[in-house]
C-alpha atoms as a PDB file:
ATOM      1  CA  MET A   1     -72.039 -68.524  40.676  1.00  0.00           C
ATOM      2  CA  ILE A   2     -70.129 -71.793  40.605  1.00  0.00           C
ATOM      3  CA  PHE A   3     -71.830 -74.751  38.450  1.00  0.00           C
ATOM      4  CA  ALA A   4     -71.908 -77.444  40.390  1.00  0.00           C
ATOM      5  CA  PRO A   5     -73.197 -81.053  38.532  1.00  0.00           C
ATOM      6  CA  ALA A   6     -76.802 -82.002  40.072  1.00  0.00           C
ATOM      7  CA  PRO A   7     -75.140 -85.011  41.951  1.00  0.00           C
ATOM      8  CA  LEU A   8     -72.962 -82.906  43.926  1.00  0.00           C
ATOM      9  CA  THR A   9     -75.525 -80.702  44.947  1.00  0.00           C
ATOM     10  CA  ARG A  10     -77.387 -82.785  46.140  1.00  0.00           C
ATOM     11  CA  LEU A  11     -74.752 -84.519  47.815  1.00  0.00           C
ATOM     12  CA  ASP A  12     -73.164 -81.289  49.534  1.00  0.00           C
ATOM     13  CA  ARG A  13     -77.097 -80.162  50.275  1.00  0.00           C
ATOM     14  CA  SER A  14     -77.357 -83.570  52.161  1.00  0.00           C
ATOM     15  CA  LEU A  15     -74.250 -83.852  54.106  1.00  0.00           C
ATOM     16  CA  PHE A  16     -75.473 -79.835  54.933  1.00  0.00           C
ATOM     17  CA  ALA A  17     -78.500 -80.791  56.526  1.00  0.00           C
ATOM     18  CA  GLY A  18     -76.669 -84.101  58.122  1.00  0.00           C
ATOM     19  CA  SER A  19     -74.869 -82.108  59.958  1.00  0.00           C
ATOM     20  CA  ALA A  20     -77.755 -79.298  60.996  1.00  0.00           C
ATOM     21  CA  ALA A  21     -80.328 -82.303  62.228  1.00  0.00           C
ATOM     22  CA  LEU A  22     -77.393 -83.441  64.907  1.00  0.00           C
ATOM     23  CA  ARG A  23     -78.611 -82.841  68.252  1.00  0.00           C
ATOM     24  CA  PRO A  24     -77.434 -79.876  70.591  1.00  0.00           C
ATOM     25  CA  SER A  25     -74.295 -81.248  72.417  1.00  0.00           C
ATOM     26  CA  PRO A  26     -71.611 -80.013  74.302  1.00  0.00           C
ATOM     27  CA  ALA A  27     -69.159 -79.929  70.974  1.00  0.00           C
ATOM     28  CA  ASP A  28     -71.189 -77.046  69.768  1.00  0.00           C
ATOM     29  CA  PRO A  29     -69.755 -74.297  72.347  1.00  0.00           C
ATOM     30  CA  VAL A  30     -66.486 -75.923  71.352  1.00  0.00           C
ATOM     31  CA  LEU A  31     -66.606 -75.763  67.356  1.00  0.00           C
ATOM     32  CA  ARG A  32     -67.938 -72.342  67.440  1.00  0.00           C
ATOM     33  CA  GLY A  33     -65.061 -71.066  69.929  1.00  0.00           C
ATOM     34  CA  LEU A  34     -62.722 -73.224  67.653  1.00  0.00           C
ATOM     35  CA  SER A  35     -63.890 -71.446  64.347  1.00  0.00           C
ATOM     36  CA  SER A  36     -63.715 -68.167  65.825  1.00  0.00           C
ATOM     37  CA  ALA A  37     -59.846 -68.585  67.324  1.00  0.00           C
ATOM     38  CA  ALA A  38     -59.099 -69.846  63.939  1.00  0.00           C
ATOM     39  CA  ASP A  39     -60.224 -66.063  62.273  1.00  0.00           C
ATOM     40  CA  HIS A  40     -57.205 -64.275  60.550  1.00  0.00           C
ATOM     41  CA  GLY A  41     -55.025 -67.573  61.558  1.00  0.00           C
ATOM     42  CA  ARG A  42     -54.557 -66.222  65.110  1.00  0.00           C
ATOM     43  CA  LEU A  43     -55.176 -70.199  66.344  1.00  0.00           C
ATOM     44  CA  TRP A  44     -52.311 -70.752  63.652  1.00  0.00           C
ATOM     45  CA  LEU A  45     -50.397 -68.059  65.387  1.00  0.00           C
ATOM     46  CA  GLY A  46     -50.561 -69.152  68.469  1.00  0.00           C
ATOM     47  CA  CYS A  47     -49.397 -72.899  67.049  1.00  0.00           C
ATOM     48  CA  ALA A  48     -46.731 -71.535  65.747  1.00  0.00           C
ATOM     49  CA  ALA A  49     -45.305 -69.024  68.397  1.00  0.00           C
ATOM     50  CA  ALA A  50     -45.511 -72.039  70.845  1.00  0.00           C
ATOM     51  CA  CYS A  51     -43.892 -74.277  68.271  1.00  0.00           C
ATOM     52  CA  ALA A  52     -41.265 -71.698  67.948  1.00  0.00           C
ATOM     53  CA  ALA A  53     -40.655 -71.564  72.160  1.00  0.00           C
ATOM     54  CA  ILE A  54     -39.896 -75.224  71.290  1.00  0.00           C
ATOM     55  CA  GLY A  55     -36.928 -74.972  68.815  1.00  0.00           C
ATOM     56  CA  GLY A  56     -35.784 -77.459  66.228  1.00  0.00           C
ATOM     57  CA  ARG A  57     -38.169 -79.351  64.034  1.00  0.00           C
ATOM     58  CA  PRO A  58     -41.119 -77.515  65.404  1.00  0.00           C
ATOM     59  CA  ARG A  59     -39.668 -74.120  64.574  1.00  0.00           C
ATOM     60  CA  ARG A  60     -38.835 -75.077  61.203  1.00  0.00           C
ATOM     61  CA  GLY A  61     -42.315 -76.463  60.619  1.00  0.00           C
ATOM     62  CA  ALA A  62     -43.877 -73.509  62.361  1.00  0.00           C
ATOM     63  CA  VAL A  63     -41.875 -71.401  59.800  1.00  0.00           C
ATOM     64  CA  ARG A  64     -42.705 -73.569  56.920  1.00  0.00           C
ATOM     65  CA  GLY A  65     -46.590 -73.495  58.022  1.00  0.00           C
ATOM     66  CA  MET A  66     -46.903 -69.929  58.499  1.00  0.00           C
ATOM     67  CA  LEU A  67     -45.593 -69.395  55.026  1.00  0.00           C
ATOM     68  CA  ALA A  68     -48.141 -72.033  53.608  1.00  0.00           C
ATOM     69  CA  LEU A  69     -50.874 -70.518  55.720  1.00  0.00           C
ATOM     70  CA  ALA A  70     -49.972 -66.980  53.939  1.00  0.00           C
ATOM     71  CA  GLY A  71     -50.058 -68.663  50.364  1.00  0.00           C
ATOM     72  CA  ALA A  72     -52.914 -71.068  51.302  1.00  0.00           C
ATOM     73  CA  SER A  73     -55.015 -67.892  52.425  1.00  0.00           C
ATOM     74  CA  ALA A  74     -54.069 -65.452  49.367  1.00  0.00           C
ATOM     75  CA  LEU A  75     -54.928 -67.920  47.069  1.00  0.00           C
ATOM     76  CA  ALA A  76     -58.464 -68.992  48.202  1.00  0.00           C
ATOM     77  CA  ASN A  77     -59.642 -65.746  49.655  1.00  0.00           C
ATOM     78  CA  GLY A  78     -57.379 -63.097  47.214  1.00  0.00           C
ATOM     79  CA  VAL A  79     -57.753 -65.185  43.604  1.00  0.00           C
ATOM     80  CA  LEU A  80     -60.606 -68.296  44.463  1.00  0.00           C
ATOM     81  CA  LYS A  81     -63.328 -66.732  46.051  1.00  0.00           C
ATOM     82  CA  PRO A  82     -63.979 -63.727  43.742  1.00  0.00           C
ATOM     83  CA  LEU A  83     -63.280 -65.904  40.763  1.00  0.00           C
ATOM     84  CA  LEU A  84     -65.536 -68.341  41.558  1.00  0.00           C
ATOM     85  CA  PRO A  85     -68.444 -67.019  44.090  1.00  0.00           C
ATOM     86  CA  ARG A  86     -70.733 -68.675  45.909  1.00  0.00           C
ATOM     87  CA  ARG A  87     -73.780 -68.145  48.398  1.00  0.00           C
ATOM     88  CA  ARG A  88     -73.466 -69.267  51.851  1.00  0.00           C
ATOM     89  CA  PRO A  89     -75.662 -71.655  52.974  1.00  0.00           C
ATOM     90  CA  PRO A  90     -79.385 -70.702  54.111  1.00  0.00           C
ATOM     91  CA  ALA A  91     -79.281 -69.087  57.732  1.00  0.00           C
ATOM     92  CA  ARG A  92     -80.227 -72.191  60.282  1.00  0.00           C
ATOM     93  CA  GLN A  93     -83.608 -72.016  62.289  1.00  0.00           C
ATOM     94  CA  ASP A  94     -82.512 -74.459  64.934  1.00  0.00           C
ATOM     95  CA  GLY A  95     -82.572 -72.484  68.062  1.00  0.00           C
ATOM     96  CA  PRO A  96     -80.644 -69.464  69.367  1.00  0.00           C
ATOM     97  CA  LEU A  97     -77.348 -69.510  68.269  1.00  0.00           C
ATOM     98  CA  ARG A  98     -77.327 -72.871  69.379  1.00  0.00           C
ATOM     99  CA  ARG A  99     -74.711 -73.217  65.992  1.00  0.00           C
ATOM    100  CA  SER A 100     -74.088 -69.942  63.761  1.00  0.00           C
ATOM    101  CA  LEU A 101     -71.941 -67.771  63.391  1.00  0.00           C
ATOM    102  CA  PRO A 102     -72.341 -64.299  62.102  1.00  0.00           C
ATOM    103  CA  THR A 103     -72.681 -64.989  58.406  1.00  0.00           C
ATOM    104  CA  PRO A 104     -69.633 -64.034  56.606  1.00  0.00           C
ATOM    105  CA  ARG A 105     -70.385 -61.393  53.390  1.00  0.00           C
ATOM    106  CA  SER A 106     -67.617 -62.682  50.953  1.00  0.00           C
ATOM    107  CA  SER A 107     -67.624 -65.768  49.198  1.00  0.00           C
ATOM    108  CA  SER A 108     -68.622 -69.522  50.172  1.00  0.00           C
ATOM    109  CA  PHE A 109     -66.165 -71.531  47.876  1.00  0.00           C
ATOM    110  CA  PRO A 110     -63.617 -72.122  49.155  1.00  0.00           C
ATOM    111  CA  SER A 111     -63.413 -72.472  52.786  1.00  0.00           C
ATOM    112  CA  GLY A 112     -60.312 -69.963  53.671  1.00  0.00           C
ATOM    113  CA  HIS A 113     -60.193 -71.389  57.460  1.00  0.00           C
ATOM    114  CA  SER A 114     -60.100 -74.578  56.015  1.00  0.00           C
ATOM    115  CA  ALA A 115     -57.624 -73.974  53.358  1.00  0.00           C
ATOM    116  CA  SER A 116     -55.466 -72.395  56.542  1.00  0.00           C
ATOM    117  CA  ALA A 117     -56.108 -75.108  58.927  1.00  0.00           C
ATOM    118  CA  ALA A 118     -54.974 -77.863  56.081  1.00  0.00           C
ATOM    119  CA  ALA A 119     -51.849 -75.816  54.845  1.00  0.00           C
ATOM    120  CA  PHE A 120     -50.364 -74.845  58.360  1.00  0.00           C
ATOM    121  CA  THR A 121     -50.666 -78.249  59.879  1.00  0.00           C
ATOM    122  CA  THR A 122     -49.109 -79.926  56.669  1.00  0.00           C
ATOM    123  CA  GLY A 123     -46.129 -77.508  56.514  1.00  0.00           C
ATOM    124  CA  MET A 124     -45.519 -78.507  60.359  1.00  0.00           C
ATOM    125  CA  ALA A 125     -46.115 -82.173  59.326  1.00  0.00           C
ATOM    126  CA  LEU A 126     -43.328 -81.916  56.467  1.00  0.00           C
ATOM    127  CA  GLU A 127     -40.779 -80.973  58.874  1.00  0.00           C
ATOM    128  CA  SER A 128     -42.078 -82.034  62.121  1.00  0.00           C
ATOM    129  CA  PRO A 129     -44.482 -85.393  61.418  1.00  0.00           C
ATOM    130  CA  VAL A 130     -44.971 -85.889  65.018  1.00  0.00           C
ATOM    131  CA  THR A 131     -46.398 -82.218  65.988  1.00  0.00           C
ATOM    132  CA  GLY A 132     -47.998 -82.458  62.632  1.00  0.00           C
ATOM    133  CA  ALA A 133     -50.096 -85.900  63.876  1.00  0.00           C
ATOM    134  CA  LEU A 134     -50.802 -84.094  67.023  1.00  0.00           C
ATOM    135  CA  LEU A 135     -52.408 -80.797  64.891  1.00  0.00           C
ATOM    136  CA  ALA A 136     -54.372 -82.889  62.404  1.00  0.00           C
ATOM    137  CA  PRO A 137     -56.961 -83.447  64.435  1.00  0.00           C
ATOM    138  CA  VAL A 138     -57.380 -79.693  65.615  1.00  0.00           C
ATOM    139  CA  ALA A 139     -57.174 -79.153  61.783  1.00  0.00           C
ATOM    140  CA  ALA A 140     -60.289 -81.357  61.327  1.00  0.00           C
ATOM    141  CA  ALA A 141     -62.359 -80.102  63.652  1.00  0.00           C
ATOM    142  CA  VAL A 142     -61.267 -76.066  62.297  1.00  0.00           C
ATOM    143  CA  ALA A 143     -62.353 -77.267  58.906  1.00  0.00           C
ATOM    144  CA  TYR A 144     -65.453 -79.456  60.506  1.00  0.00           C
ATOM    145  CA  SER A 145     -66.601 -76.772  62.495  1.00  0.00           C
ATOM    146  CA  ARG A 146     -67.169 -74.305  59.098  1.00  0.00           C
ATOM    147  CA  VAL A 147     -70.163 -76.791  58.197  1.00  0.00           C
ATOM    148  CA  HIS A 148     -71.311 -77.453  62.029  1.00  0.00           C
ATOM    149  CA  THR A 149     -72.072 -73.844  62.502  1.00  0.00           C
ATOM    150  CA  GLY A 150     -73.425 -73.395  59.233  1.00  0.00           C
ATOM    151  CA  VAL A 151     -71.176 -70.834  57.189  1.00  0.00           C
ATOM    152  CA  HIS A 152     -69.527 -73.316  54.315  1.00  0.00           C
ATOM    153  CA  TRP A 153     -70.972 -75.942  52.096  1.00  0.00           C
ATOM    154  CA  PRO A 154     -69.126 -79.403  52.733  1.00  0.00           C
ATOM    155  CA  ALA A 155     -67.712 -79.141  49.393  1.00  0.00           C
ATOM    156  CA  ASP A 156     -66.097 -75.349  50.219  1.00  0.00           C
ATOM    157  CA  VAL A 157     -64.287 -77.192  53.186  1.00  0.00           C
ATOM    158  CA  VAL A 158     -63.228 -79.976  50.959  1.00  0.00           C
ATOM    159  CA  THR A 159     -61.680 -77.282  47.933  1.00  0.00           C
ATOM    160  CA  GLY A 160     -60.416 -75.738  51.078  1.00  0.00           C
ATOM    161  CA  VAL A 161     -58.375 -78.560  52.319  1.00  0.00           C
ATOM    162  CA  ALA A 162     -57.100 -79.390  49.245  1.00  0.00           C
ATOM    163  CA  VAL A 163     -55.734 -75.861  48.432  1.00  0.00           C
ATOM    164  CA  GLY A 164     -53.869 -75.280  51.756  1.00  0.00           C
ATOM    165  CA  ALA A 165     -51.934 -78.962  51.505  1.00  0.00           C
ATOM    166  CA  ALA A 166     -51.479 -78.185  47.601  1.00  0.00           C
ATOM    167  CA  VAL A 167     -49.853 -74.878  48.651  1.00  0.00           C
ATOM    168  CA  ALA A 168     -47.913 -76.780  51.681  1.00  0.00           C
ATOM    169  CA  LEU A 169     -46.410 -79.053  49.578  1.00  0.00           C
ATOM    170  CA  ALA A 170     -45.623 -76.540  47.111  1.00  0.00           C
ATOM    171  CA  THR A 171     -43.241 -75.122  49.563  1.00  0.00           C
ATOM    172  CA  ARG A 172     -41.072 -78.252  48.755  1.00  0.00           C
ATOM    173  CA  ARG A 173     -40.290 -76.474  45.585  1.00  0.00           C
ATOM    174  CA  TRP A 174     -38.169 -73.730  46.741  1.00  0.00           C
ATOM    175  CA  TRP A 175     -37.431 -74.735  50.135  1.00  0.00           C
ATOM    176  CA  ALA A 176     -36.212 -78.137  50.836  1.00  0.00           C
ATOM    177  CA  VAL A 177     -37.699 -80.239  53.398  1.00  0.00           C
ATOM    178  CA  ARG A 178     -34.112 -80.845  55.687  1.00  0.00           C
ATOM    179  CA  PRO A 179     -33.163 -84.111  56.052  1.00  0.00           C
ATOM    180  CA  ASP A 180     -33.025 -86.028  59.463  1.00  0.00           C
ATOM    181  CA  GLU A 181     -29.669 -87.716  58.801  1.00  0.00           C
ATOM    182  CA  PRO A 182     -26.434 -86.147  60.025  1.00  0.00           C
ATOM    183  CA  ALA A 183     -24.450 -85.075  56.957  1.00  0.00           C
ATOM    184  CA  ARG A 184     -21.722 -87.461  56.208  1.00  0.00           C
ATOM    185  CA  LEU A 185     -17.747 -86.645  55.822  1.00  0.00           C
ATOM    186  CA  GLY A 186     -16.500 -86.108  52.142  1.00  0.00           C
END
């Protein structure tokens, strides 16, 4: 189990309880569906396919986003989860499947869904800022959905977002972002 300072643990539990205390709303099935759609990167693969069909900057963004997603997913799920195990939140007793998804068996820390969402969206934004801005609310909703559905603590999600964004930004070290200006004749 990972060690977290008591104030951080209290904040984590308080934020989680705040999400659990929300009244049922039409957002519940939407967030549950969004969380499920993001399983195994399917949501982001669909977005990448649509952007590839558009061409230009969105196509480059889709390629960078998928590479970042692969790297972030490997880091979060293959390295950090086994290295820093954490129990998932307890199952909620707040109505028949109002929010809960089946509890995954893997470690809770960090959120792989959040890492993938942030990696894809940040990678997309590096190449196509407009497309990245359009996808940012979807990525934020996927990240929040993991707390809302009761399968992650808030700190897991925040760490997942940080991992994903960092991996996407690191892609600039080996693949430069293409500048917008036209080439100059020498």
